[in-house]
Amino acid sequence: MTININNLNNQAQVHQNKQTQVKQQAAQSASTSAQVKQVGHDSVSLTPQAKQLNELQKKANDAPVVDQQKVAELKKAIAAGDYKVDPQKLAVSIANFEFDLI
């Protein structure tokens, strides 16, 4: 950019310099906003573990509420010594539970 030092008080020169500065600032602003728009693309991806956890949470929410009457009956049977555990049935139940988690 050149400045006419012979005619510093010339309003036309000052006005032209200001217009040039405004144009440069506008171009910089446009360039900056274009860069911001390009950078603004975010994305999210869930890991398989997160998807599995989400499915387990849905299953837990859909599970039936605890039957308090059955719990009370089991407590009475255990306290009285009448509750007998079938080891094979227990093993099958545990295995089924583990397979359902997978």
N, C-alpha and C. Protein backbone atom coordinates (compact mmCIF):
# COMPACT_ATOMS: atom_id res chain seq x y z
N MET A 1 0.85 -1.17 0.00
CA MET A 1 0.00 0.00 0.00
C MET A 1 0.90 1.23 0.00
N THR A 2 0.56 2.16 -0.84
CA THR A 2 1.36 3.38 -0.92
C THR A 2 0.61 4.53 -0.31
N ILE A 3 1.38 5.42 0.27
CA ILE A 3 0.80 6.63 0.87
C ILE A 3 1.40 7.84 0.18
N ASN A 4 0.55 8.74 -0.21
CA ASN A 4 0.99 9.98 -0.86
C ASN A 4 1.40 10.95 0.23
N ILE A 5 2.72 11.12 0.48
CA ILE A 5 3.18 11.99 1.57
C ILE A 5 3.14 13.45 1.18
N ASN A 6 3.00 13.76 -0.09
CA ASN A 6 2.90 15.15 -0.52
C ASN A 6 1.56 15.75 -0.18
N ASN A 7 0.57 14.93 -0.04
CA ASN A 7 -0.78 15.45 0.16
C ASN A 7 -1.45 14.68 1.30
N LEU A 8 -0.89 14.76 2.52
CA LEU A 8 -1.37 13.97 3.66
C LEU A 8 -2.77 14.36 4.09
N ASN A 9 -3.14 15.56 3.92
CA ASN A 9 -4.45 16.02 4.37
C ASN A 9 -5.54 15.76 3.34
N ASN A 10 -5.20 15.13 2.29
CA ASN A 10 -6.17 14.86 1.25
C ASN A 10 -7.20 13.85 1.76
N GLN A 11 -8.43 14.26 1.85
CA GLN A 11 -9.50 13.42 2.38
C GLN A 11 -9.76 12.20 1.50
N ALA A 12 -9.56 12.34 0.22
CA ALA A 12 -9.79 11.23 -0.69
C ALA A 12 -8.82 10.09 -0.38
N GLN A 13 -7.57 10.42 -0.12
CA GLN A 13 -6.55 9.40 0.20
C GLN A 13 -6.90 8.70 1.51
N VAL A 14 -7.31 9.46 2.52
CA VAL A 14 -7.68 8.89 3.82
C VAL A 14 -8.90 7.99 3.66
N HIS A 15 -9.87 8.46 2.91
CA HIS A 15 -11.09 7.69 2.68
C HIS A 15 -10.77 6.39 1.94
N GLN A 16 -9.89 6.46 0.96
CA GLN A 16 -9.49 5.27 0.19
C GLN A 16 -8.77 4.28 1.10
N ASN A 17 -7.89 4.78 1.98
CA ASN A 17 -7.18 3.89 2.91
C ASN A 17 -8.16 3.19 3.85
N LYS A 18 -9.16 3.92 4.33
CA LYS A 18 -10.15 3.32 5.22
C LYS A 18 -10.97 2.27 4.49
N GLN A 19 -11.33 2.55 3.26
CA GLN A 19 -12.09 1.58 2.48
C GLN A 19 -11.27 0.30 2.27
N THR A 20 -10.00 0.47 1.98
CA THR A 20 -9.12 -0.69 1.78
C THR A 20 -9.03 -1.51 3.06
N GLN A 21 -8.91 -0.84 4.20
CA GLN A 21 -8.84 -1.55 5.47
C GLN A 21 -10.14 -2.30 5.75
N VAL A 22 -11.26 -1.66 5.48
CA VAL A 22 -12.55 -2.29 5.71
C VAL A 22 -12.70 -3.52 4.83
N LYS A 23 -12.28 -3.42 3.58
CA LYS A 23 -12.37 -4.56 2.66
C LYS A 23 -11.48 -5.71 3.15
N GLN A 24 -10.28 -5.37 3.62
CA GLN A 24 -9.38 -6.41 4.12
C GLN A 24 -9.97 -7.10 5.35
N GLN A 25 -10.55 -6.30 6.24
CA GLN A 25 -11.17 -6.88 7.44
C GLN A 25 -12.36 -7.76 7.07
N ALA A 26 -13.14 -7.33 6.09
CA ALA A 26 -14.29 -8.12 5.66
C ALA A 26 -13.81 -9.44 5.05
N ALA A 27 -12.76 -9.38 4.26
CA ALA A 27 -12.23 -10.59 3.65
C ALA A 27 -11.70 -11.54 4.73
N GLN A 28 -11.03 -10.99 5.74
CA GLN A 28 -10.52 -11.83 6.84
C GLN A 28 -11.68 -12.46 7.62
N SER A 29 -12.72 -11.67 7.85
CA SER A 29 -13.88 -12.20 8.58
C SER A 29 -14.54 -13.32 7.79
N ALA A 30 -14.69 -13.12 6.49
CA ALA A 30 -15.30 -14.15 5.65
C ALA A 30 -14.44 -15.41 5.65
N SER A 31 -13.15 -15.23 5.58
CA SER A 31 -12.23 -16.36 5.58
C SER A 31 -12.31 -17.11 6.91
N THR A 32 -12.34 -16.37 8.00
CA THR A 32 -12.40 -16.98 9.32
C THR A 32 -13.71 -17.73 9.51
N SER A 33 -14.82 -17.13 9.10
CA SER A 33 -16.11 -17.80 9.27
C SER A 33 -16.20 -19.04 8.39
N ALA A 34 -15.59 -19.01 7.21
CA ALA A 34 -15.58 -20.18 6.34
C ALA A 34 -14.77 -21.31 7.00
N GLN A 35 -13.66 -20.96 7.64
CA GLN A 35 -12.86 -21.97 8.33
C GLN A 35 -13.63 -22.55 9.49
N VAL A 36 -14.35 -21.72 10.22
CA VAL A 36 -15.12 -22.19 11.36
C VAL A 36 -16.21 -23.14 10.89
N LYS A 37 -16.87 -22.83 9.78
CA LYS A 37 -17.91 -23.69 9.26
C LYS A 37 -17.34 -25.04 8.83
N GLN A 38 -16.16 -25.06 8.27
CA GLN A 38 -15.55 -26.31 7.85
C GLN A 38 -15.15 -27.16 9.05
N VAL A 39 -14.72 -26.54 10.11
CA VAL A 39 -14.27 -27.26 11.31
C VAL A 39 -15.46 -27.76 12.11
N GLY A 40 -16.63 -27.21 11.91
CA GLY A 40 -17.80 -27.50 12.73
C GLY A 40 -18.42 -28.86 12.55
N HIS A 41 -17.83 -29.79 11.84
CA HIS A 41 -18.40 -31.10 11.63
C HIS A 41 -17.91 -32.06 12.71
N ASP A 42 -18.75 -32.28 13.73
CA ASP A 42 -18.42 -33.21 14.80
C ASP A 42 -19.18 -34.51 14.57
N SER A 43 -18.64 -35.57 15.08
CA SER A 43 -19.33 -36.85 14.98
C SER A 43 -19.08 -37.65 16.25
N VAL A 44 -20.00 -38.54 16.53
CA VAL A 44 -19.91 -39.39 17.71
C VAL A 44 -20.10 -40.82 17.26
N SER A 45 -19.29 -41.71 17.77
CA SER A 45 -19.48 -43.13 17.49
C SER A 45 -19.40 -43.90 18.81
N LEU A 46 -20.27 -44.88 18.93
CA LEU A 46 -20.33 -45.69 20.14
C LEU A 46 -19.55 -46.97 19.93
N THR A 47 -18.82 -47.36 20.95
CA THR A 47 -18.07 -48.62 20.89
C THR A 47 -19.05 -49.78 21.06
N PRO A 48 -18.64 -50.97 20.65
CA PRO A 48 -19.52 -52.14 20.85
C PRO A 48 -19.85 -52.36 22.33
N GLN A 49 -18.90 -52.06 23.21
CA GLN A 49 -19.15 -52.22 24.64
C GLN A 49 -20.24 -51.25 25.11
N ALA A 50 -20.22 -50.02 24.59
CA ALA A 50 -21.24 -49.04 24.97
C ALA A 50 -22.61 -49.48 24.47
N LYS A 51 -22.66 -50.04 23.26
CA LYS A 51 -23.93 -50.54 22.72
C LYS A 51 -24.44 -51.70 23.57
N GLN A 52 -23.53 -52.58 23.97
CA GLN A 52 -23.93 -53.72 24.80
C GLN A 52 -24.44 -53.24 26.15
N LEU A 53 -23.77 -52.26 26.73
CA LEU A 53 -24.21 -51.71 28.01
C LEU A 53 -25.60 -51.08 27.88
N ASN A 54 -25.84 -50.39 26.79
CA ASN A 54 -27.15 -49.79 26.55
C ASN A 54 -28.23 -50.86 26.46
N GLU A 55 -27.94 -51.98 25.77
CA GLU A 55 -28.91 -53.07 25.68
C GLU A 55 -29.17 -53.69 27.05
N LEU A 56 -28.12 -53.84 27.85
CA LEU A 56 -28.29 -54.41 29.19
C LEU A 56 -29.12 -53.49 30.08
N GLN A 57 -28.92 -52.18 29.94
CA GLN A 57 -29.73 -51.24 30.71
C GLN A 57 -31.20 -51.32 30.32
N LYS A 58 -31.46 -51.49 29.02
CA LYS A 58 -32.85 -51.64 28.57
C LYS A 58 -33.47 -52.91 29.15
N LYS A 59 -32.69 -54.01 29.14
CA LYS A 59 -33.19 -55.26 29.71
C LYS A 59 -33.48 -55.10 31.20
N ALA A 60 -32.60 -54.41 31.91
CA ALA A 60 -32.78 -54.20 33.34
C ALA A 60 -34.03 -53.36 33.61
N ASN A 61 -34.27 -52.37 32.77
CA ASN A 61 -35.46 -51.53 32.95
C ASN A 61 -36.74 -52.30 32.63
N ASP A 62 -36.65 -53.27 31.71
CA ASP A 62 -37.82 -54.06 31.34
C ASP A 62 -38.06 -55.24 32.28
N ALA A 63 -37.09 -55.53 33.14
CA ALA A 63 -37.21 -56.67 34.06
C ALA A 63 -38.36 -56.41 35.04
N PRO A 64 -39.00 -57.50 35.46
CA PRO A 64 -40.12 -57.33 36.39
C PRO A 64 -39.64 -56.82 37.75
N VAL A 65 -40.54 -56.19 38.44
CA VAL A 65 -40.25 -55.66 39.78
C VAL A 65 -40.16 -56.85 40.74
N VAL A 66 -39.39 -56.72 41.79
CA VAL A 66 -39.18 -57.80 42.76
C VAL A 66 -40.50 -58.13 43.45
N ASP A 67 -40.80 -59.43 43.50
CA ASP A 67 -42.01 -59.92 44.17
C ASP A 67 -41.71 -60.06 45.66
N GLN A 68 -42.13 -59.09 46.42
CA GLN A 68 -41.82 -59.06 47.85
C GLN A 68 -42.43 -60.24 48.61
N GLN A 69 -43.60 -60.71 48.16
CA GLN A 69 -44.23 -61.85 48.84
C GLN A 69 -43.38 -63.11 48.67
N LYS A 70 -42.85 -63.32 47.47
CA LYS A 70 -42.01 -64.49 47.23
C LYS A 70 -40.72 -64.40 48.03
N VAL A 71 -40.16 -63.20 48.13
CA VAL A 71 -38.94 -63.00 48.91
C VAL A 71 -39.20 -63.33 50.38
N ALA A 72 -40.33 -62.89 50.90
CA ALA A 72 -40.67 -63.17 52.30
C ALA A 72 -40.83 -64.67 52.53
N GLU A 73 -41.47 -65.37 51.58
CA GLU A 73 -41.64 -66.81 51.71
C GLU A 73 -40.29 -67.53 51.71
N LEU A 74 -39.39 -67.11 50.82
CA LEU A 74 -38.06 -67.72 50.76
C LEU A 74 -37.28 -67.47 52.05
N LYS A 75 -37.39 -66.27 52.59
CA LYS A 75 -36.70 -65.97 53.85
C LYS A 75 -37.20 -66.88 54.97
N LYS A 76 -38.52 -67.08 55.03
CA LYS A 76 -39.10 -67.96 56.06
C LYS A 76 -38.58 -69.39 55.90
N ALA A 77 -38.56 -69.86 54.63
CA ALA A 77 -38.12 -71.24 54.37
C ALA A 77 -36.65 -71.42 54.72
N ILE A 78 -35.83 -70.44 54.40
CA ILE A 78 -34.40 -70.52 54.74
C ILE A 78 -34.21 -70.50 56.24
N ALA A 79 -34.92 -69.61 56.94
CA ALA A 79 -34.80 -69.50 58.39
C ALA A 79 -35.27 -70.78 59.08
N ALA A 80 -36.29 -71.43 58.54
CA ALA A 80 -36.82 -72.65 59.14
C ALA A 80 -36.01 -73.88 58.75
N GLY A 81 -35.11 -73.73 57.76
CA GLY A 81 -34.29 -74.86 57.31
C GLY A 81 -35.02 -75.75 56.31
N ASP A 82 -36.15 -75.27 55.79
CA ASP A 82 -36.94 -76.06 54.84
C ASP A 82 -36.52 -75.83 53.39
N TYR A 83 -35.71 -74.85 53.13
CA TYR A 83 -35.32 -74.53 51.74
C TYR A 83 -34.14 -75.38 51.34
N LYS A 84 -34.31 -76.17 50.30
CA LYS A 84 -33.26 -77.04 49.81
C LYS A 84 -32.81 -76.54 48.43
N VAL A 85 -31.50 -76.50 48.21
CA VAL A 85 -30.93 -76.04 46.95
C VAL A 85 -30.61 -77.26 46.09
N ASP A 86 -31.11 -77.25 44.85
CA ASP A 86 -30.78 -78.29 43.88
C ASP A 86 -29.55 -77.82 43.11
N PRO A 87 -28.37 -78.43 43.36
CA PRO A 87 -27.13 -77.94 42.74
C PRO A 87 -27.16 -77.95 41.21
N GLN A 88 -27.78 -78.96 40.60
CA GLN A 88 -27.83 -79.00 39.13
C GLN A 88 -28.72 -77.89 38.58
N LYS A 89 -29.84 -77.67 39.20
CA LYS A 89 -30.74 -76.60 38.76
C LYS A 89 -30.08 -75.24 38.92
N LEU A 90 -29.35 -75.07 40.02
CA LEU A 90 -28.62 -73.82 40.25
C LEU A 90 -27.55 -73.60 39.19
N ALA A 91 -26.81 -74.66 38.85
CA ALA A 91 -25.75 -74.56 37.84
C ALA A 91 -26.34 -74.19 36.48
N VAL A 92 -27.44 -74.81 36.13
CA VAL A 92 -28.10 -74.48 34.85
C VAL A 92 -28.56 -73.03 34.83
N SER A 93 -29.12 -72.58 35.93
CA SER A 93 -29.59 -71.20 36.01
C SER A 93 -28.44 -70.20 35.88
N ILE A 94 -27.34 -70.49 36.54
CA ILE A 94 -26.16 -69.61 36.45
C ILE A 94 -25.62 -69.58 35.03
N ALA A 95 -25.54 -70.77 34.40
CA ALA A 95 -25.03 -70.83 33.02
C ALA A 95 -25.95 -70.05 32.07
N ASN A 96 -27.26 -70.21 32.23
CA ASN A 96 -28.20 -69.46 31.38
C ASN A 96 -28.06 -67.95 31.58
N PHE A 97 -27.87 -67.56 32.82
CA PHE A 97 -27.69 -66.13 33.11
C PHE A 97 -26.45 -65.60 32.43
N GLU A 98 -25.37 -66.35 32.51
CA GLU A 98 -24.10 -65.93 31.87
C GLU A 98 -24.26 -65.83 30.34
N PHE A 99 -24.95 -66.80 29.74
CA PHE A 99 -25.15 -66.76 28.28
C PHE A 99 -26.04 -65.59 27.87
N ASP A 100 -27.01 -65.25 28.73
CA ASP A 100 -27.88 -64.10 28.42
C ASP A 100 -27.11 -62.79 28.43
N LEU A 101 -26.07 -62.70 29.24
CA LEU A 101 -25.25 -61.49 29.29
C LEU A 101 -24.44 -61.29 28.02
N ILE A 102 -24.09 -62.37 27.37
CA ILE A 102 -23.27 -62.30 26.17
C ILE A 102 -24.16 -61.97 25.03
